[in-house]
PDB file of N, CA and C in Angstrom:
ATOM      1  N   UNK A   1       0.817  -1.181   0.000  1.00  0.00           N
ATOM      2  CA  UNK A   1       0.000   0.000   0.000  1.00  0.00           C
ATOM      3  C   UNK A   1       0.869   1.255   0.000  1.00  0.00           C
ATOM      4  N   UNK A   2       1.949   1.243   0.776  1.00  0.00           N
ATOM      5  CA  UNK A   2       2.843   2.389   0.850  1.00  0.00           C
ATOM      6  C   UNK A   2       3.539   2.640  -0.485  1.00  0.00           C
ATOM      7  N   UNK A   3       3.837   1.546  -1.232  1.00  0.00           N
ATOM      8  CA  UNK A   3       4.495   1.674  -2.528  1.00  0.00           C
ATOM      9  C   UNK A   3       3.583   2.421  -3.502  1.00  0.00           C
ATOM     10  N   UNK A   4       2.299   2.096  -3.492  1.00  0.00           N
ATOM     11  CA  UNK A   4       1.343   2.756  -4.378  1.00  0.00           C
ATOM     12  C   UNK A   4       1.289   4.243  -4.045  1.00  0.00           C
ATOM     13  N   UNK A   5       1.261   4.568  -2.766  1.00  0.00           N
ATOM     14  CA  UNK A   5       1.217   5.962  -2.339  1.00  0.00           C
ATOM     15  C   UNK A   5       2.441   6.741  -2.790  1.00  0.00           C
ATOM     16  N   UNK A   6       3.630   6.129  -2.661  1.00  0.00           N
ATOM     17  CA  UNK A   6       4.856   6.782  -3.091  1.00  0.00           C
ATOM     18  C   UNK A   6       4.888   6.953  -4.609  1.00  0.00           C
ATOM     19  N   UNK A   7       4.382   5.970  -5.358  1.00  0.00           N
ATOM     20  CA  UNK A   7       4.364   6.048  -6.818  1.00  0.00           C
ATOM     21  C   UNK A   7       3.469   7.188  -7.277  1.00  0.00           C
ATOM     22  N   UNK A   8       2.282   7.278  -6.693  1.00  0.00           N
ATOM     23  CA  UNK A   8       1.358   8.357  -7.043  1.00  0.00           C
ATOM     24  C   UNK A   8       1.965   9.708  -6.687  1.00  0.00           C
ATOM     25  N   UNK A   9       2.563   9.808  -5.527  1.00  0.00           N
ATOM     26  CA  UNK A   9       3.177  11.064  -5.096  1.00  0.00           C
ATOM     27  C   UNK A   9       4.328  11.451  -6.023  1.00  0.00           C
ATOM     28  N   UNK A  10       5.136  10.479  -6.449  1.00  0.00           N
ATOM     29  CA  UNK A  10       6.262  10.754  -7.332  1.00  0.00           C
ATOM     30  C   UNK A  10       5.789  11.318  -8.662  1.00  0.00           C
ATOM     31  N   UNK A  11       4.803  10.665  -9.291  1.00  0.00           N
ATOM     32  CA  UNK A  11       4.325  11.114 -10.594  1.00  0.00           C
ATOM     33  C   UNK A  11       3.578  12.439 -10.493  1.00  0.00           C
ATOM     34  N   UNK A  12       2.911  12.678  -9.400  1.00  0.00           N
ATOM     35  CA  UNK A  12       2.237  13.963  -9.207  1.00  0.00           C
ATOM     36  C   UNK A  12       3.257  15.073  -9.073  1.00  0.00           C
ATOM     37  N   UNK A  13       4.319  14.824  -8.338  1.00  0.00           N
ATOM     38  CA  UNK A  13       5.345  15.832  -8.114  1.00  0.00           C
ATOM     39  C   UNK A  13       6.191  16.065  -9.358  1.00  0.00           C
ATOM     40  N   UNK A  14       6.353  15.037 -10.184  1.00  0.00           N
ATOM     41  CA  UNK A  14       7.211  15.184 -11.359  1.00  0.00           C
ATOM     42  C   UNK A  14       6.533  15.976 -12.464  1.00  0.00           C
ATOM     43  N   UNK A  15       5.253  16.263 -12.311  1.00  0.00           N
ATOM     44  CA  UNK A  15       4.542  17.089 -13.285  1.00  0.00           C
ATOM     45  C   UNK A  15       4.443  16.434 -14.640  1.00  0.00           C
ATOM     46  N   UNK A  16       3.931  15.234 -14.684  1.00  0.00           N
ATOM     47  CA  UNK A  16       3.775  14.515 -15.948  1.00  0.00           C
ATOM     48  C   UNK A  16       3.108  15.441 -16.962  1.00  0.00           C
ATOM     49  N   UNK A  17       3.750  15.620 -18.086  1.00  0.00           N
ATOM     50  CA  UNK A  17       3.180  16.491 -19.099  1.00  0.00           C
ATOM     51  C   UNK A  17       3.079  15.719 -20.401  1.00  0.00           C
ATOM     52  N   UNK A  18       2.225  16.198 -21.282  1.00  0.00           N
ATOM     53  CA  UNK A  18       2.043  15.554 -22.579  1.00  0.00           C
ATOM     54  C   UNK A  18       3.012  16.097 -23.615  1.00  0.00           C
ATOM     55  N   UNK A  19       3.907  16.992 -23.236  1.00  0.00           N
ATOM     56  CA  UNK A  19       4.825  17.612 -24.191  1.00  0.00           C
ATOM     57  C   UNK A  19       5.808  16.577 -24.724  1.00  0.00           C
ATOM     58  N   UNK A  20       5.874  16.513 -26.047  1.00  0.00           N
ATOM     59  CA  UNK A  20       6.815  15.605 -26.701  1.00  0.00           C
ATOM     60  C   UNK A  20       8.148  16.318 -26.896  1.00  0.00           C
ATOM     61  N   UNK A  21       9.204  15.535 -26.982  1.00  0.00           N
ATOM     62  CA  UNK A  21      10.516  16.094 -27.281  1.00  0.00           C
ATOM     63  C   UNK A  21      10.560  16.438 -28.770  1.00  0.00           C
ATOM     64  N   UNK A  22      11.461  17.340 -29.137  1.00  0.00           N
ATOM     65  CA  UNK A  22      11.570  17.785 -30.528  1.00  0.00           C
ATOM     66  C   UNK A  22      11.766  16.617 -31.491  1.00  0.00           C
ATOM     67  N   UNK A  23      12.559  15.639 -31.099  1.00  0.00           N
ATOM     68  CA  UNK A  23      12.805  14.484 -31.967  1.00  0.00           C
ATOM     69  C   UNK A  23      11.515  13.704 -32.226  1.00  0.00           C
ATOM     70  N   UNK A  24      10.684  13.568 -31.205  1.00  0.00           N
ATOM     71  CA  UNK A  24       9.408  12.864 -31.371  1.00  0.00           C
ATOM     72  C   UNK A  24       8.475  13.658 -32.289  1.00  0.00           C
ATOM     73  N   UNK A  25       8.505  14.978 -32.164  1.00  0.00           N
ATOM     74  CA  UNK A  25       7.693  15.837 -33.033  1.00  0.00           C
ATOM     75  C   UNK A  25       8.128  15.670 -34.484  1.00  0.00           C
ATOM     76  N   UNK A  26       9.432  15.630 -34.709  1.00  0.00           N
ATOM     77  CA  UNK A  26       9.949  15.470 -36.071  1.00  0.00           C
ATOM     78  C   UNK A  26       9.579  14.104 -36.652  1.00  0.00           C
ATOM     79  N   UNK A  27       9.525  13.084 -35.819  1.00  0.00           N
ATOM     80  CA  UNK A  27       9.112  11.754 -36.288  1.00  0.00           C
ATOM     81  C   UNK A  27       7.668  11.818 -36.772  1.00  0.00           C
ATOM     82  N   UNK A  28       6.794  12.487 -36.030  1.00  0.00           N
ATOM     83  CA  UNK A  28       5.389  12.625 -36.438  1.00  0.00           C
ATOM     84  C   UNK A  28       5.280  13.371 -37.767  1.00  0.00           C
ATOM     85  N   UNK A  29       6.022  14.474 -37.902  1.00  0.00           N
ATOM     86  CA  UNK A  29       6.009  15.226 -39.165  1.00  0.00           C
ATOM     87  C   UNK A  29       6.531  14.355 -40.306  1.00  0.00           C
ATOM     88  N   UNK A  30       7.589  13.606 -40.047  1.00  0.00           N
ATOM     89  CA  UNK A  30       8.154  12.728 -41.068  1.00  0.00           C
ATOM     90  C   UNK A  30       7.168  11.668 -41.524  1.00  0.00           C
ATOM     91  N   UNK A  31       6.441  11.090 -40.574  1.00  0.00           N
ATOM     92  CA  UNK A  31       5.435  10.085 -40.915  1.00  0.00           C
ATOM     93  C   UNK A  31       4.316  10.701 -41.756  1.00  0.00           C
ATOM     94  N   UNK A  32       3.922  11.925 -41.410  1.00  0.00           N
ATOM     95  CA  UNK A  32       2.885  12.609 -42.187  1.00  0.00           C
ATOM     96  C   UNK A  32       3.386  12.914 -43.599  1.00  0.00           C
ATOM     97  N   UNK A  33       4.654  13.338 -43.724  1.00  0.00           N
ATOM     98  CA  UNK A  33       5.216  13.594 -45.050  1.00  0.00           C
ATOM     99  C   UNK A  33       5.271  12.323 -45.886  1.00  0.00           C
ATOM    100  N   UNK A  34       5.570  11.190 -45.263  1.00  0.00           N
ATOM    101  CA  UNK A  34       5.577   9.926 -45.997  1.00  0.00           C
ATOM    102  C   UNK A  34       4.204   9.647 -46.601  1.00  0.00           C
ATOM    103  N   UNK A  35       3.162   9.940 -45.836  1.00  0.00           N
ATOM    104  CA  UNK A  35       1.794   9.711 -46.326  1.00  0.00           C
ATOM    105  C   UNK A  35       1.482  10.656 -47.481  1.00  0.00           C
ATOM    106  N   UNK A  36       1.739  11.961 -47.308  1.00  0.00           N
ATOM    107  CA  UNK A  36       1.337  12.905 -48.358  1.00  0.00           C
ATOM    108  C   UNK A  36       2.210  12.819 -49.603  1.00  0.00           C
ATOM    109  N   UNK A  37       3.417  12.303 -49.475  1.00  0.00           N
ATOM    110  CA  UNK A  37       4.291  12.205 -50.636  1.00  0.00           C
ATOM    111  C   UNK A  37       4.134  10.894 -51.395  1.00  0.00           C
ATOM    112  N   UNK A  38       3.187  10.076 -50.993  1.00  0.00           N
ATOM    113  CA  UNK A  38       2.912   8.834 -51.726  1.00  0.00           C
ATOM    114  C   UNK A  38       1.814   9.100 -52.756  1.00  0.00           C
ATOM    115  N   UNK A  39       1.571   8.143 -53.628  1.00  0.00           N
ATOM    116  CA  UNK A  39       0.503   8.272 -54.622  1.00  0.00           C
ATOM    117  C   UNK A  39      -0.851   8.145 -53.932  1.00  0.00           C
ATOM    118  N   UNK A  40      -1.794   8.974 -54.334  1.00  0.00           N
ATOM    119  CA  UNK A  40      -3.130   8.973 -53.735  1.00  0.00           C
ATOM    120  C   UNK A  40      -4.141   8.543 -54.787  1.00  0.00           C
ATOM    121  N   UNK A  41      -4.563   7.286 -54.698  1.00  0.00           N
ATOM    122  CA  UNK A  41      -5.466   6.683 -55.666  1.00  0.00           C
ATOM    123  C   UNK A  41      -6.874   7.215 -55.456  1.00  0.00           C
ATOM    124  N   UNK A  42      -7.571   7.461 -56.563  1.00  0.00           N
ATOM    125  CA  UNK A  42      -8.931   7.981 -56.491  1.00  0.00           C
ATOM    126  C   UNK A  42      -9.788   7.363 -57.587  1.00  0.00           C
ATOM    127  N   UNK A  43     -11.097   7.392 -57.364  1.00  0.00           N
ATOM    128  CA  UNK A  43     -12.054   6.927 -58.370  1.00  0.00           C
ATOM    129  C   UNK A  43     -12.672   8.121 -59.097  1.00  0.00           C
ATOM    130  N   UNK A  44     -12.832   9.237 -58.372  1.00  0.00           N
ATOM    131  CA  UNK A  44     -13.384  10.453 -58.962  1.00  0.00           C
ATOM    132  C   UNK A  44     -12.916  11.665 -58.171  1.00  0.00           C
ATOM    133  N   UNK A  45     -13.309  12.846 -58.633  1.00  0.00           N
ATOM    134  CA  UNK A  45     -12.854  14.093 -58.003  1.00  0.00           C
ATOM    135  C   UNK A  45     -13.231  14.185 -56.532  1.00  0.00           C
ATOM    136  N   UNK A  46     -14.336  13.586 -56.142  1.00  0.00           N
ATOM    137  CA  UNK A  46     -14.789  13.651 -54.741  1.00  0.00           C
ATOM    138  C   UNK A  46     -13.827  12.935 -53.792  1.00  0.00           C
ATOM    139  N   UNK A  47     -13.017  12.034 -54.306  1.00  0.00           N
ATOM    140  CA  UNK A  47     -12.043  11.305 -53.481  1.00  0.00           C
ATOM    141  C   UNK A  47     -10.836  12.155 -53.114  1.00  0.00           C
ATOM    142  N   UNK A  48     -10.649  13.288 -53.781  1.00  0.00           N
ATOM    143  CA  UNK A  48      -9.435  14.092 -53.623  1.00  0.00           C
ATOM    144  C   UNK A  48      -9.707  15.369 -52.829  1.00  0.00           C
ATOM    145  N   UNK A  49      -8.845  15.629 -51.853  1.00  0.00           N
ATOM    146  CA  UNK A  49      -8.972  16.802 -50.988  1.00  0.00           C
ATOM    147  C   UNK A  49      -7.574  17.350 -50.698  1.00  0.00           C
ATOM    148  N   UNK A  50      -7.492  18.620 -50.267  1.00  0.00           N
ATOM    149  CA  UNK A  50      -6.189  19.153 -49.882  1.00  0.00           C
ATOM    150  C   UNK A  50      -5.889  18.861 -48.415  1.00  0.00           C
ATOM    151  N   UNK A  51      -4.630  18.739 -48.101  1.00  0.00           N
ATOM    152  CA  UNK A  51      -4.208  18.688 -46.709  1.00  0.00           C
ATOM    153  C   UNK A  51      -3.252  19.845 -46.503  1.00  0.00           C
ATOM    154  N   UNK A  52      -3.361  20.538 -45.392  1.00  0.00           N
ATOM    155  CA  UNK A  52      -2.527  21.714 -45.145  1.00  0.00           C
ATOM    156  C   UNK A  52      -1.460  21.469 -44.097  1.00  0.00           C
ATOM    157  N   UNK A  53      -1.241  20.210 -43.737  1.00  0.00           N
ATOM    158  CA  UNK A  53      -0.193  19.872 -42.780  1.00  0.00           C
ATOM    159  C   UNK A  53       0.354  18.525 -43.150  1.00  0.00           C
ATOM    160  N   UNK A  54       1.598  18.273 -43.017  1.00  0.00           N
ATOM    161  CA  UNK A  54       2.673  19.205 -42.696  1.00  0.00           C
ATOM    162  C   UNK A  54       3.050  20.009 -43.929  1.00  0.00           C
ATOM    163  N   UNK A  55       3.516  21.188 -43.723  1.00  0.00           N
ATOM    164  CA  UNK A  55       3.902  22.035 -44.842  1.00  0.00           C
ATOM    165  C   UNK A  55       2.699  22.636 -45.537  1.00  0.00           C
ATOM    166  N   UNK A  56       2.851  22.902 -46.812  1.00  0.00           N
ATOM    167  CA  UNK A  56       1.798  23.535 -47.606  1.00  0.00           C
ATOM    168  C   UNK A  56       0.848  22.488 -48.167  1.00  0.00           C
ATOM    169  N   UNK A  57      -0.235  22.969 -48.780  1.00  0.00           N
ATOM    170  CA  UNK A  57      -1.286  22.091 -49.298  1.00  0.00           C
ATOM    171  C   UNK A  57      -0.741  21.095 -50.314  1.00  0.00           C
ATOM    172  N   UNK A  58      -1.240  19.878 -50.206  1.00  0.00           N
ATOM    173  CA  UNK A  58      -0.918  18.803 -51.147  1.00  0.00           C
ATOM    174  C   UNK A  58      -2.209  18.073 -51.473  1.00  0.00           C
ATOM    175  N   UNK A  59      -2.338  17.527 -52.697  1.00  0.00           N
ATOM    176  CA  UNK A  59      -3.530  16.753 -53.024  1.00  0.00           C
ATOM    177  C   UNK A  59      -3.414  15.339 -52.440  1.00  0.00           C
ATOM    178  N   UNK A  60      -4.415  14.935 -51.673  1.00  0.00           N
ATOM    179  CA  UNK A  60      -4.431  13.601 -51.074  1.00  0.00           C
ATOM    180  C   UNK A  60      -5.821  12.996 -51.207  1.00  0.00           C
ATOM    181  N   UNK A  61      -5.893  11.699 -51.034  1.00  0.00           N
ATOM    182  CA  UNK A  61      -7.196  11.035 -51.000  1.00  0.00           C
ATOM    183  C   UNK A  61      -7.818  11.276 -49.626  1.00  0.00           C
ATOM    184  N   UNK A  62      -9.121  11.180 -49.562  1.00  0.00           N
ATOM    185  CA  UNK A  62      -9.825  11.385 -48.282  1.00  0.00           C
ATOM    186  C   UNK A  62      -9.316  10.421 -47.220  1.00  0.00           C
ATOM    187  N   UNK A  63      -9.069   9.193 -47.622  1.00  0.00           N
ATOM    188  CA  UNK A  63      -8.571   8.170 -46.687  1.00  0.00           C
ATOM    189  C   UNK A  63      -7.225   8.591 -46.093  1.00  0.00           C
ATOM    190  N   UNK A  64      -6.327   9.069 -46.941  1.00  0.00           N
ATOM    191  CA  UNK A  64      -5.006   9.454 -46.453  1.00  0.00           C
ATOM    192  C   UNK A  64      -5.036  10.762 -45.685  1.00  0.00           C
ATOM    193  N   UNK A  65      -6.002  11.645 -45.979  1.00  0.00           N
ATOM    194  CA  UNK A  65      -6.121  12.866 -45.192  1.00  0.00           C
ATOM    195  C   UNK A  65      -6.446  12.505 -43.746  1.00  0.00           C
ATOM    196  N   UNK A  66      -7.285  11.491 -43.551  1.00  0.00           N
ATOM    197  CA  UNK A  66      -7.621  11.037 -42.196  1.00  0.00           C
ATOM    198  C   UNK A  66      -6.364  10.540 -41.479  1.00  0.00           C
ATOM    199  N   UNK A  67      -5.490   9.854 -42.198  1.00  0.00           N
ATOM    200  CA  UNK A  67      -4.236   9.374 -41.597  1.00  0.00           C
ATOM    201  C   UNK A  67      -3.349  10.543 -41.189  1.00  0.00           C
ATOM    202  N   UNK A  68      -3.256  11.562 -42.043  1.00  0.00           N
ATOM    203  CA  UNK A  68      -2.448  12.744 -41.738  1.00  0.00           C
ATOM    204  C   UNK A  68      -3.025  13.462 -40.524  1.00  0.00           C
ATOM    205  N   UNK A  69      -4.344  13.553 -40.437  1.00  0.00           N
ATOM    206  CA  UNK A  69      -4.983  14.231 -39.305  1.00  0.00           C
ATOM    207  C   UNK A  69      -4.680  13.524 -37.983  1.00  0.00           C
ATOM    208  N   UNK A  70      -4.522  12.209 -38.012  1.00  0.00           N
ATOM    209  CA  UNK A  70      -4.149  11.468 -36.797  1.00  0.00           C
ATOM    210  C   UNK A  70      -2.762  11.907 -36.317  1.00  0.00           C
ATOM    211  N   UNK A  71      -1.824  12.051 -37.257  1.00  0.00           N
ATOM    212  CA  UNK A  71      -0.477  12.520 -36.896  1.00  0.00           C
ATOM    213  C   UNK A  71      -0.543  13.963 -36.385  1.00  0.00           C
ATOM    214  N   UNK A  72      -1.371  14.793 -37.023  1.00  0.00           N
ATOM    215  CA  UNK A  72      -1.510  16.195 -36.614  1.00  0.00           C
ATOM    216  C   UNK A  72      -2.073  16.296 -35.196  1.00  0.00           C
ATOM    217  N   UNK A  73      -3.055  15.457 -34.864  1.00  0.00           N
ATOM    218  CA  UNK A  73      -3.613  15.453 -33.510  1.00  0.00           C
ATOM    219  C   UNK A  73      -2.539  15.123 -32.477  1.00  0.00           C
ATOM    220  N   UNK A  74      -1.746  14.093 -32.748  1.00  0.00           N
ATOM    221  CA  UNK A  74      -0.657  13.719 -31.833  1.00  0.00           C
ATOM    222  C   UNK A  74       0.361  14.848 -31.726  1.00  0.00           C
ATOM    223  N   UNK A  75       0.651  15.496 -32.853  1.00  0.00           N
ATOM    224  CA  UNK A  75       1.589  16.611 -32.893  1.00  0.00           C
ATOM    225  C   UNK A  75       1.082  17.750 -32.008  1.00  0.00           C
ATOM    226  N   UNK A  76      -0.199  18.090 -32.154  1.00  0.00           N
ATOM    227  CA  UNK A  76      -0.790  19.165 -31.358  1.00  0.00           C
ATOM    228  C   UNK A  76      -0.892  18.797 -29.881  1.00  0.00           C
ATOM    229  N   UNK A  77      -1.284  17.559 -29.597  1.00  0.00           N
ATOM    230  CA  UNK A  77      -1.388  17.109 -28.209  1.00  0.00           C
ATOM    231  C   UNK A  77      -0.026  17.102 -27.534  1.00  0.00           C
ATOM    232  N   UNK A  78       1.017  16.861 -28.327  1.00  0.00           N
ATOM    233  CA  UNK A  78       2.382  16.840 -27.804  1.00  0.00           C
ATOM    234  C   UNK A  78       2.976  18.229 -27.672  1.00  0.00           C
ATOM    235  N   UNK A  79       2.163  19.234 -27.935  1.00  0.00           N
ATOM    236  CA  UNK A  79       2.588  20.637 -27.827  1.00  0.00           C
ATOM    237  C   UNK A  79       3.831  20.910 -28.661  1.00  0.00           C
ATOM    238  N   UNK A  80       3.873  20.290 -29.841  1.00  0.00           N
ATOM    239  CA  UNK A  80       4.988  20.498 -30.759  1.00  0.00           C
ATOM    240  C   UNK A  80       4.854  21.867 -31.419  1.00  0.00           C
ATOM    241  N   UNK A  81       5.989  22.453 -31.742  1.00  0.00           N
ATOM    242  CA  UNK A  81       6.015  23.779 -32.349  1.00  0.00           C
ATOM    243  C   UNK A  81       6.678  23.668 -33.718  1.00  0.00           C
ATOM    244  N   UNK A  82       6.130  24.409 -34.687  1.00  0.00           N
ATOM    245  CA  UNK A  82       6.743  24.430 -36.008  1.00  0.00           C
ATOM    246  C   UNK A  82       6.688  25.844 -36.566  1.00  0.00           C
ATOM    247  N   UNK A  83       7.601  26.141 -37.452  1.00  0.00           N
ATOM    248  CA  UNK A  83       7.651  27.462 -38.076  1.00  0.00           C
ATOM    249  C   UNK A  83       6.488  27.603 -39.058  1.00  0.00           C
ATOM    250  N   UNK A  84       5.986  28.805 -39.169  1.00  0.00           N
ATOM    251  CA  UNK A  84       4.893  29.093 -40.094  1.00  0.00           C
ATOM    252  C   UNK A  84       5.445  29.063 -41.509  1.00  0.00           C
ATOM    253  N   UNK A  85       4.804  28.293 -42.379  1.00  0.00           N
ATOM    254  CA  UNK A  85       5.241  28.169 -43.765  1.00  0.00           C
ATOM    255  C   UNK A  85       4.593  29.250 -44.631  1.00  0.00           C
ATOM    256  N   UNK A  86       5.312  29.697 -45.641  1.00  0.00           N
ATOM    257  CA  UNK A  86       4.755  30.617 -46.626  1.00  0.00           C
ATOM    258  C   UNK A  86       4.331  29.771 -47.809  1.00  0.00           C
ATOM    259  N   UNK A  87       3.047  29.668 -48.022  1.00  0.00           N
ATOM    260  CA  UNK A  87       2.514  28.781 -49.054  1.00  0.00           C
ATOM    261  C   UNK A  87       1.810  29.581 -50.150  1.00  0.00           C
ATOM    262  N   UNK A  88       1.812  29.042 -51.333  1.00  0.00           N
ATOM    263  CA  UNK A  88       1.093  29.657 -52.446  1.00  0.00           C
ATOM    264  C   UNK A  88      -0.384  29.305 -52.339  1.00  0.00           C
ATOM    265  N   UNK A  89      -1.201  29.977 -53.096  1.00  0.00           N
ATOM    266  CA  UNK A  89      -2.617  29.635 -53.138  1.00  0.00           C
ATOM    267  C   UNK A  89      -2.750  28.204 -53.640  1.00  0.00           C
ATOM    268  N   UNK A  90      -3.716  27.495 -53.110  1.00  0.00           N
ATOM    269  CA  UNK A  90      -3.900  26.097 -53.486  1.00  0.00           C
ATOM    270  C   UNK A  90      -4.704  25.988 -54.780  1.00  0.00           C
ATOM    271  N   UNK A  91      -4.101  25.400 -55.824  1.00  0.00           N
ATOM    272  CA  UNK A  91      -4.859  25.186 -57.057  1.00  0.00           C
ATOM    273  C   UNK A  91      -5.966  24.152 -56.823  1.00  0.00           C
ATOM    274  N   UNK A  92      -6.881  24.064 -57.757  1.00  0.00           N
ATOM    275  CA  UNK A  92      -7.942  23.065 -57.677  1.00  0.00           C
ATOM    276  C   UNK A  92      -7.323  21.669 -57.657  1.00  0.00           C
ATOM    277  N   UNK A  93      -7.940  20.783 -56.902  1.00  0.00           N
ATOM    278  CA  UNK A  93      -7.469  19.399 -56.804  1.00  0.00           C
ATOM    279  C   UNK A  93      -8.523  18.501 -57.434  1.00  0.00           C
ATOM    280  N   UNK A  94      -8.078  17.548 -58.241  1.00  0.00           N
ATOM    281  CA  UNK A  94      -9.018  16.647 -58.898  1.00  0.00           C
ATOM    282  C   UNK A  94      -8.379  15.280 -59.128  1.00  0.00           C
ATOM    283  N   UNK A  95      -9.177  14.340 -59.595  1.00  0.00           N
ATOM    284  CA  UNK A  95      -8.714  12.986 -59.877  1.00  0.00           C
ATOM    285  C   UNK A  95      -8.360  12.888 -61.354  1.00  0.00           C
ATOM    286  N   UNK A  96      -7.097  12.606 -61.649  1.00  0.00           N
ATOM    287  CA  UNK A  96      -6.641  12.486 -63.032  1.00  0.00           C
ATOM    288  C   UNK A  96      -6.033  11.107 -63.226  1.00  0.00           C
ATOM    289  N   UNK A  97      -6.642  10.328 -64.064  1.00  0.00           N
ATOM    290  CA  UNK A  97      -6.179   8.982 -64.385  1.00  0.00           C
ATOM    291  C   UNK A  97      -5.937   8.151 -63.129  1.00  0.00           C
ATOM    292  N   UNK A  98      -6.839   8.294 -62.144  1.00  0.00           N
ATOM    293  CA  UNK A  98      -6.781   7.475 -60.942  1.00  0.00           C
ATOM    294  C   UNK A  98      -5.897   7.992 -59.828  1.00  0.00           C
ATOM    295  N   UNK A  99      -5.345   9.219 -59.980  1.00  0.00           N
ATOM    296  CA  UNK A  99      -4.494   9.800 -58.931  1.00  0.00           C
ATOM    297  C   UNK A  99      -4.942  11.227 -58.620  1.00  0.00           C
ATOM    298  N   UNK A 100      -4.868  11.614 -57.351  1.00  0.00           N
ATOM    299  CA  UNK A 100      -5.197  12.975 -56.931  1.00  0.00           C
ATOM    300  C   UNK A 100      -4.048  13.900 -57.309  1.00  0.00           C
ATOM    301  N   UNK A 101      -4.370  14.995 -58.004  1.00  0.00           N
ATOM    302  CA  UNK A 101      -3.357  15.945 -58.463  1.00  0.00           C
ATOM    303  C   UNK A 101      -3.899  17.368 -58.398  1.00  0.00           C
ATOM    304  N   UNK A 102      -2.982  18.343 -58.507  1.00  0.00           N
ATOM    305  CA  UNK A 102      -3.371  19.746 -58.655  1.00  0.00           C
ATOM    306  C   UNK A 102      -3.741  19.976 -60.114  1.00  0.00           C
ATOM    307  N   UNK A 103      -4.713  20.856 -60.353  1.00  0.00           N
ATOM    308  CA  UNK A 103      -5.035  21.267 -61.720  1.00  0.00           C
ATOM    309  C   UNK A 103      -4.259  22.560 -61.974  1.00  0.00           C
ATOM    310  N   UNK A 104      -3.136  22.429 -62.622  1.00  0.00           N
ATOM    311  CA  UNK A 104      -2.296  23.578 -62.965  1.00  0.00           C
ATOM    312  C   UNK A 104      -2.608  23.959 -64.402  1.00  0.00           C
ATOM    313  N   UNK A 105      -3.029  25.193 -64.612  1.00  0.00           N
ATOM    314  CA  UNK A 105      -3.336  25.657 -65.955  1.00  0.00           C
ATOM    315  C   UNK A 105      -2.076  26.210 -66.604  1.00  0.00           C
ATOM    316  N   UNK A 106      -1.832  25.825 -67.847  1.00  0.00           N
ATOM    317  CA  UNK A 106      -0.642  26.256 -68.571  1.00  0.00           C
ATOM    318  C   UNK A 106      -0.617  27.771 -68.701  1.00  0.00           C
ATOM    319  N   UNK A 107       0.533  28.364 -68.439  1.00  0.00           N
ATOM    320  CA  UNK A 107       0.705  29.799 -68.593  1.00  0.00           C
ATOM    321  C   UNK A 107       0.157  30.630 -67.455  1.00  0.00           C
ATOM    322  N   UNK A 108      -0.478  29.994 -66.485  1.00  0.00           N
ATOM    323  CA  UNK A 108      -1.049  30.728 -65.356  1.00  0.00           C
ATOM    324  C   UNK A 108      -0.075  30.675 -64.192  1.00  0.00           C
ATOM    325  N   UNK A 109       0.184  31.804 -63.581  1.00  0.00           N
ATOM    326  CA  UNK A 109       1.072  31.829 -62.438  1.00  0.00           C
ATOM    327  C   UNK A 109       0.244  31.837 -61.165  1.00  0.00           C
ATOM    328  N   UNK A 110       0.813  31.307 -60.130  1.00  0.00           N
ATOM    329  CA  UNK A 110       0.121  31.249 -58.843  1.00  0.00           C
ATOM    330  C   UNK A 110       1.090  31.811 -57.801  1.00  0.00           C
ATOM    331  N   UNK A 111       1.023  33.130 -57.547  1.00  0.00           N
ATOM    332  CA  UNK A 111       1.992  33.741 -56.633  1.00  0.00           C
ATOM    333  C   UNK A 111       1.835  33.264 -55.201  1.00  0.00           C
ATOM    334  N   UNK A 112       2.917  33.407 -54.461  1.00  0.00           N
ATOM    335  CA  UNK A 112       2.866  33.061 -53.035  1.00  0.00           C
ATOM    336  C   UNK A 112       2.156  34.156 -52.278  1.00  0.00           C
ATOM    337  N   UNK A 113       1.661  33.798 -51.110  1.00  0.00           N
ATOM    338  CA  UNK A 113       0.950  34.764 -50.263  1.00  0.00           C
ATOM    339  C   UNK A 113       1.931  35.654 -49.570  1.00  0.00           C
TER     340      UNK A 113
END
């Protein structure tokens, strides 16, 4: 019984926090980048959506956006900090030949914000 009391007192005094170390935060970002940098298979335009984390917007499938959001939740819960990115306006995203892509119009420029 005394051991349980000391254990509870120790963890209470140590101030258990949910803050992740920088290396753990980078692992979460890296895992999210692996997801967004893979091919995103789609059946139609409705399958494709933008994700705004990590980094700037990328075209992803709805299924993979959910996976990225799981990493983002852990990142936020871990009180991770990241620099604000300067991103360009997000072009339209659609399904082209079974993959989610940006619709870039020839000769049209898309300046950064």
